[in-house]
């Protein structure tokens, strides 16, 4: 009995959404990459998933390379395909997994953009912002190393005002507790004084219409404010998260503690920031040491 590749893709996406509870943005990214692969299969008369071989997958890899996609994009697409076939194999939709030995293109991981601590301190503590809620956005993204989606979904009830912590629902619906510094808490208090919540289920950061903020708005606010203090190319909300992680390691934080604060599943993901810190150390040495 033939099992159409498009049906397997839908079953896989349904599992990610309903069982593994992946975010909408993650599901959307998987759908785009796998739909593209599904179309390639159909165009090459490979509608039955059991007809897809390792040789055919390598043909698809060549196709991606010929389209001059960057290696990071190719790796992401291959990761989605591996996950799809792993799902199909575990659910006995295929007898063997043709993607199990599929190699990734070698990539040199780019170091994340980081803004220096003094510039961020000046921006958040001294720079006059048009609105208090902009400062609250910058403070929480940097002070608590949040993802933009985590900030947007944060509710008043998630803040422990006595314990100075916030409860974060991160990727894969994984809960973590993040400490909040005294200056961040002061800003939260000031913000709630000007933007009082009606109940504990209100979103913590709201716009002038008392509505939930959204990622694109946060990006515009962060980009505009970071432009005042830095010339780094990437001025996104994630740059504040990168900066927070790097500054913690610069000041001697344990890598495993930083991993928990960031909500990373694997320590290897957090280790990229050790490379950033080493590069910053080298740059400082070259700039200031007479023997450099």
Protein backbone atom coordinates (compact mmCIF):
# COMPACT_ATOMS: atom_id res chain seq x y z
CA UNK A 1 0.00 0.00 0.00
CA UNK A 2 1.45 3.31 -1.12
CA UNK A 3 1.97 5.99 1.52
CA UNK A 4 2.03 9.43 -0.08
CA UNK A 5 4.86 11.70 1.07
CA UNK A 6 2.50 14.68 1.52
CA UNK A 7 0.38 12.66 3.97
CA UNK A 8 3.42 11.71 6.03
CA UNK A 9 4.47 15.36 6.15
CA UNK A 10 1.05 16.33 7.52
CA UNK A 11 1.17 13.55 10.13
CA UNK A 12 4.63 14.67 11.18
CA UNK A 13 3.62 18.34 11.47
CA UNK A 14 0.54 17.32 13.45
CA UNK A 15 2.76 15.47 15.92
CA UNK A 16 5.04 18.51 16.31
CA UNK A 17 2.05 20.73 16.95
CA UNK A 18 -0.23 18.58 19.10
CA UNK A 19 2.14 16.26 20.94
CA UNK A 20 5.53 17.93 21.05
CA UNK A 21 3.90 21.38 21.31
CA UNK A 22 6.32 23.21 19.04
CA UNK A 23 5.71 26.94 18.50
CA UNK A 24 3.70 28.22 15.54
CA UNK A 25 6.82 29.78 14.02
CA UNK A 26 8.73 26.50 14.25
CA UNK A 27 5.84 24.56 12.67
CA UNK A 28 5.67 27.15 9.88
CA UNK A 29 9.40 26.78 9.17
CA UNK A 30 9.12 22.97 9.06
CA UNK A 31 6.09 23.22 6.76
CA UNK A 32 7.89 25.47 4.28
CA UNK A 33 11.01 23.27 4.11
CA UNK A 34 9.12 19.97 3.93
CA UNK A 35 6.55 21.22 1.41
CA UNK A 36 9.43 22.26 -0.81
CA UNK A 37 10.93 18.78 -0.47
CA UNK A 38 7.52 17.18 -1.09
CA UNK A 39 7.12 19.13 -4.33
CA UNK A 40 10.59 18.00 -5.43
CA UNK A 41 9.56 14.38 -4.78
CA UNK A 42 6.33 14.72 -6.79
CA UNK A 43 8.15 16.43 -9.67
CA UNK A 44 10.56 13.50 -9.76
CA UNK A 45 7.82 10.83 -9.59
CA UNK A 46 8.54 9.90 -5.97
CA UNK A 47 5.12 10.30 -4.35
CA UNK A 48 5.39 7.09 -2.29
CA UNK A 49 7.69 7.67 0.71
CA UNK A 50 9.01 4.09 0.49
CA UNK A 51 10.42 4.88 -2.99
CA UNK A 52 12.72 7.57 -1.58
CA UNK A 53 16.30 6.38 -1.24
CA UNK A 54 19.52 7.85 0.14
CA UNK A 55 20.63 8.39 -3.47
CA UNK A 56 17.48 10.44 -4.16
CA UNK A 57 18.03 12.51 -1.01
CA UNK A 58 21.58 13.25 -2.19
CA UNK A 59 20.07 14.35 -5.51
CA UNK A 60 17.91 16.81 -3.57
CA UNK A 61 21.01 18.02 -1.71
CA UNK A 62 22.71 18.68 -5.06
CA UNK A 63 19.61 20.59 -6.17
CA UNK A 64 19.80 22.82 -3.09
CA UNK A 65 23.50 23.43 -3.68
CA UNK A 66 22.94 24.31 -7.35
CA UNK A 67 20.37 26.89 -6.26
CA UNK A 68 23.24 28.57 -4.38
CA UNK A 69 21.52 28.46 -1.01
CA UNK A 70 23.83 29.20 1.89
CA UNK A 71 25.05 26.22 3.90
CA UNK A 72 23.04 27.21 6.97
CA UNK A 73 19.78 27.07 4.99
CA UNK A 74 20.74 23.72 3.46
CA UNK A 75 21.55 22.32 6.91
CA UNK A 76 18.19 23.48 8.23
CA UNK A 77 16.31 21.86 5.35
CA UNK A 78 18.22 18.59 5.76
CA UNK A 79 17.51 18.63 9.49
CA UNK A 80 13.78 18.84 8.75
CA UNK A 81 14.06 15.93 6.28
CA UNK A 82 15.98 13.82 8.81
CA UNK A 83 13.29 14.47 11.41
CA UNK A 84 10.58 13.53 8.92
CA UNK A 85 12.16 10.19 8.02
CA UNK A 86 12.99 9.43 11.64
CA UNK A 87 9.28 9.93 12.39
CA UNK A 88 8.28 7.70 9.45
CA UNK A 89 10.70 4.94 10.51
CA UNK A 90 9.61 4.98 14.17
CA UNK A 91 5.98 4.75 13.12
CA UNK A 92 6.76 1.85 10.75
CA UNK A 93 5.76 3.77 7.64
CA UNK A 94 9.07 2.79 6.03
CA UNK A 95 11.26 -0.29 6.50
CA UNK A 96 14.60 1.58 6.50
CA UNK A 97 15.57 5.19 7.07
CA UNK A 98 17.30 6.60 3.95
CA UNK A 99 18.21 9.84 5.76
CA UNK A 100 20.08 8.24 8.68
CA UNK A 101 23.52 8.58 7.07
CA UNK A 102 22.85 11.79 5.16
CA UNK A 103 25.75 14.20 5.82
CA UNK A 104 25.36 17.89 6.57
CA UNK A 105 27.33 20.44 4.55
CA UNK A 106 30.24 21.71 6.59
CA UNK A 107 29.48 25.12 7.99
CA UNK A 108 31.48 27.59 9.98
CA UNK A 109 29.10 28.82 12.61
CA UNK A 110 28.83 32.59 12.66
CA UNK A 111 29.48 34.24 15.97
CA UNK A 112 26.44 36.17 17.20
CA UNK A 113 26.42 39.97 17.28
CA UNK A 114 27.08 41.45 20.71
CA UNK A 115 26.67 45.00 22.02
CA UNK A 116 29.11 46.04 24.76
CA UNK A 117 27.75 46.24 28.29
CA UNK A 118 28.50 49.95 28.83
CA UNK A 119 26.52 50.93 25.73
CA UNK A 120 23.51 48.91 26.85
CA UNK A 121 23.72 50.32 30.37
CA UNK A 122 23.72 53.85 28.96
CA UNK A 123 20.83 53.04 26.62
CA UNK A 124 18.56 51.50 29.25
CA UNK A 125 19.46 53.49 32.34
CA UNK A 126 20.38 56.94 31.02
CA UNK A 127 19.07 57.41 27.50
CA UNK A 128 15.69 59.12 27.45
CA UNK A 129 13.24 56.87 25.66
CA UNK A 130 10.02 58.09 24.09
CA UNK A 131 8.01 55.66 26.20
CA UNK A 132 8.61 53.83 29.44
CA UNK A 133 7.38 50.62 27.86
CA UNK A 134 10.28 50.75 25.37
CA UNK A 135 12.72 50.72 28.27
CA UNK A 136 10.80 47.83 29.83
CA UNK A 137 11.13 45.88 26.56
CA UNK A 138 14.89 46.51 26.36
CA UNK A 139 15.40 45.76 30.05
CA UNK A 140 13.56 42.42 29.99
CA UNK A 141 15.11 41.22 26.73
CA UNK A 142 18.61 41.99 27.98
CA UNK A 143 18.21 41.68 31.75
CA UNK A 144 16.49 38.28 31.55
CA UNK A 145 17.96 37.10 28.21
CA UNK A 146 14.50 36.46 26.76
CA UNK A 147 13.45 35.43 23.29
CA UNK A 148 11.09 37.93 21.69
CA UNK A 149 8.18 35.44 21.74
CA UNK A 150 8.78 34.84 25.46
CA UNK A 151 8.61 38.56 26.15
CA UNK A 152 5.38 39.00 24.17
CA UNK A 153 3.70 36.10 25.99
CA UNK A 154 4.83 37.11 29.48
CA UNK A 155 1.91 37.75 31.87
CA UNK A 156 1.71 39.60 35.17
CA UNK A 157 1.11 36.32 37.01
CA UNK A 158 4.45 35.03 35.72
CA UNK A 159 6.34 37.59 37.80
CA UNK A 160 7.25 36.64 41.37
CA UNK A 161 7.66 40.08 42.90
CA UNK A 162 8.81 38.74 46.27
CA UNK A 163 11.28 36.23 44.89
CA UNK A 164 12.46 38.48 42.02
CA UNK A 165 12.01 35.79 39.38
CA UNK A 166 9.88 35.30 36.30
CA UNK A 167 8.38 32.10 34.96
CA UNK A 168 9.05 31.62 31.26
CA UNK A 169 7.28 29.26 28.88
CA UNK A 170 9.96 28.63 26.29
CA UNK A 171 10.43 26.49 23.21
CA UNK A 172 8.56 23.20 23.23
CA UNK A 173 6.38 24.48 26.07
CA UNK A 174 9.28 24.00 28.49
CA UNK A 175 8.98 26.01 31.68
CA UNK A 176 11.96 27.68 33.34
CA UNK A 177 12.47 30.16 36.16
CA UNK A 178 14.71 33.15 35.43
CA UNK A 179 16.10 35.52 38.09
CA UNK A 180 15.32 39.22 37.70
CA UNK A 181 17.90 41.80 38.80
CA UNK A 182 17.01 44.65 41.15
CA UNK A 183 17.19 47.27 38.40
CA UNK A 184 14.93 45.19 36.17
CA UNK A 185 12.44 44.81 39.02
CA UNK A 186 12.45 48.56 39.64
CA UNK A 187 11.64 49.17 35.98
CA UNK A 188 8.83 46.60 36.07
CA UNK A 189 7.34 48.35 39.09
CA UNK A 190 7.61 51.73 37.35
CA UNK A 191 6.06 50.34 34.20
CA UNK A 192 3.10 48.77 36.03
CA UNK A 193 2.55 52.04 37.88
CA UNK A 194 2.09 53.85 34.55
CA UNK A 195 0.44 50.87 32.80
CA UNK A 196 -1.53 49.20 35.61
CA UNK A 197 -2.80 45.67 35.04
CA UNK A 198 -6.48 44.88 35.62
CA UNK A 199 -5.76 41.28 36.68
CA UNK A 200 -3.01 38.67 36.92
CA UNK A 201 -3.82 37.27 33.47
CA UNK A 202 -3.00 40.56 31.74
CA UNK A 203 0.09 40.52 29.54
CA UNK A 204 2.93 42.20 31.39
CA UNK A 205 4.02 44.49 28.55
CA UNK A 206 1.16 46.12 26.65
CA UNK A 207 0.92 48.89 24.08
CA UNK A 208 -0.96 52.19 24.45
CA UNK A 209 -4.21 50.43 23.63
CA UNK A 210 -3.58 47.95 26.45
CA UNK A 211 -3.08 45.18 23.91
CA UNK A 212 -0.48 42.42 23.67
CA UNK A 213 2.71 43.46 21.89
CA UNK A 214 3.91 41.52 18.85
CA UNK A 215 7.39 40.53 17.59
CA UNK A 216 7.53 42.98 14.68
CA UNK A 217 6.81 45.91 16.99
CA UNK A 218 9.50 44.73 19.41
CA UNK A 219 11.98 44.41 16.54
CA UNK A 220 11.33 48.00 15.42
CA UNK A 221 11.76 49.33 18.96
CA UNK A 222 14.98 47.38 19.56
CA UNK A 223 16.43 48.26 16.16
CA UNK A 224 15.76 51.97 16.62
CA UNK A 225 17.21 52.06 20.13
CA UNK A 226 20.29 49.97 19.39
CA UNK A 227 21.06 52.24 16.45
CA UNK A 228 21.75 54.98 19.02
CA UNK A 229 24.60 53.12 20.71
CA UNK A 230 26.11 50.55 18.33
CA UNK A 231 27.07 49.93 14.73
CA UNK A 232 26.71 46.13 14.83
CA UNK A 233 24.98 44.89 11.71
CA UNK A 234 22.30 42.86 13.47
CA UNK A 235 20.21 45.06 15.78
CA UNK A 236 17.45 42.59 16.57
CA UNK A 237 15.89 41.51 19.89
CA UNK A 238 18.02 38.36 19.74
CA UNK A 239 21.13 40.57 19.80
CA UNK A 240 20.15 41.60 23.33
CA UNK A 241 19.83 37.92 24.30
CA UNK A 242 23.22 37.17 22.73
CA UNK A 243 24.72 40.13 24.58
CA UNK A 244 23.26 39.03 27.92
CA UNK A 245 24.70 35.52 27.57
CA UNK A 246 28.12 36.80 26.53
CA UNK A 247 28.29 39.37 29.32
CA UNK A 248 27.37 36.74 31.92
CA UNK A 249 30.22 34.51 30.73
CA UNK A 250 32.58 37.51 30.56
CA UNK A 251 31.88 38.06 34.25
CA UNK A 252 32.56 34.47 35.26
CA UNK A 253 29.13 32.82 35.10
CA UNK A 254 29.08 29.03 34.92
CA UNK A 255 28.19 27.78 31.44
CA UNK A 256 25.54 25.40 32.79
CA UNK A 257 23.85 28.22 34.70
CA UNK A 258 23.75 30.35 31.54
CA UNK A 259 22.26 27.35 29.71
CA UNK A 260 19.41 27.18 32.24
CA UNK A 261 18.75 30.92 32.09
CA UNK A 262 18.61 30.85 28.29
CA UNK A 263 16.45 27.72 28.24
CA UNK A 264 18.74 25.82 25.87
CA UNK A 265 18.11 22.10 25.57
CA UNK A 266 21.74 21.24 24.84
CA UNK A 267 24.91 22.67 26.36
CA UNK A 268 26.48 22.75 22.90
CA UNK A 269 24.03 25.49 21.91
CA UNK A 270 25.20 27.66 24.80
CA UNK A 271 28.88 27.01 24.08
CA UNK A 272 28.81 29.37 21.09
CA UNK A 273 28.98 32.20 23.62
CA UNK A 274 32.27 30.92 25.02
CA UNK A 275 33.72 31.44 21.54
CA UNK A 276 32.34 34.98 21.51
CA UNK A 277 33.98 35.69 24.87
CA UNK A 278 37.32 34.29 23.68
CA UNK A 279 37.17 36.41 20.53
CA UNK A 280 36.43 39.50 22.64
CA UNK A 281 39.37 38.59 24.90
CA UNK A 282 41.67 38.32 21.88
CA UNK A 283 40.44 41.63 20.49
CA UNK A 284 41.08 43.37 23.82
CA UNK A 285 44.55 41.83 24.02
CA UNK A 286 45.47 42.90 20.50
CA UNK A 287 44.16 46.40 21.14
CA UNK A 288 45.80 47.02 24.51
CA UNK A 289 48.77 44.70 25.18
CA UNK A 290 52.21 46.07 24.19
CA UNK A 291 53.33 42.57 23.13
CA UNK A 292 50.36 41.94 20.86
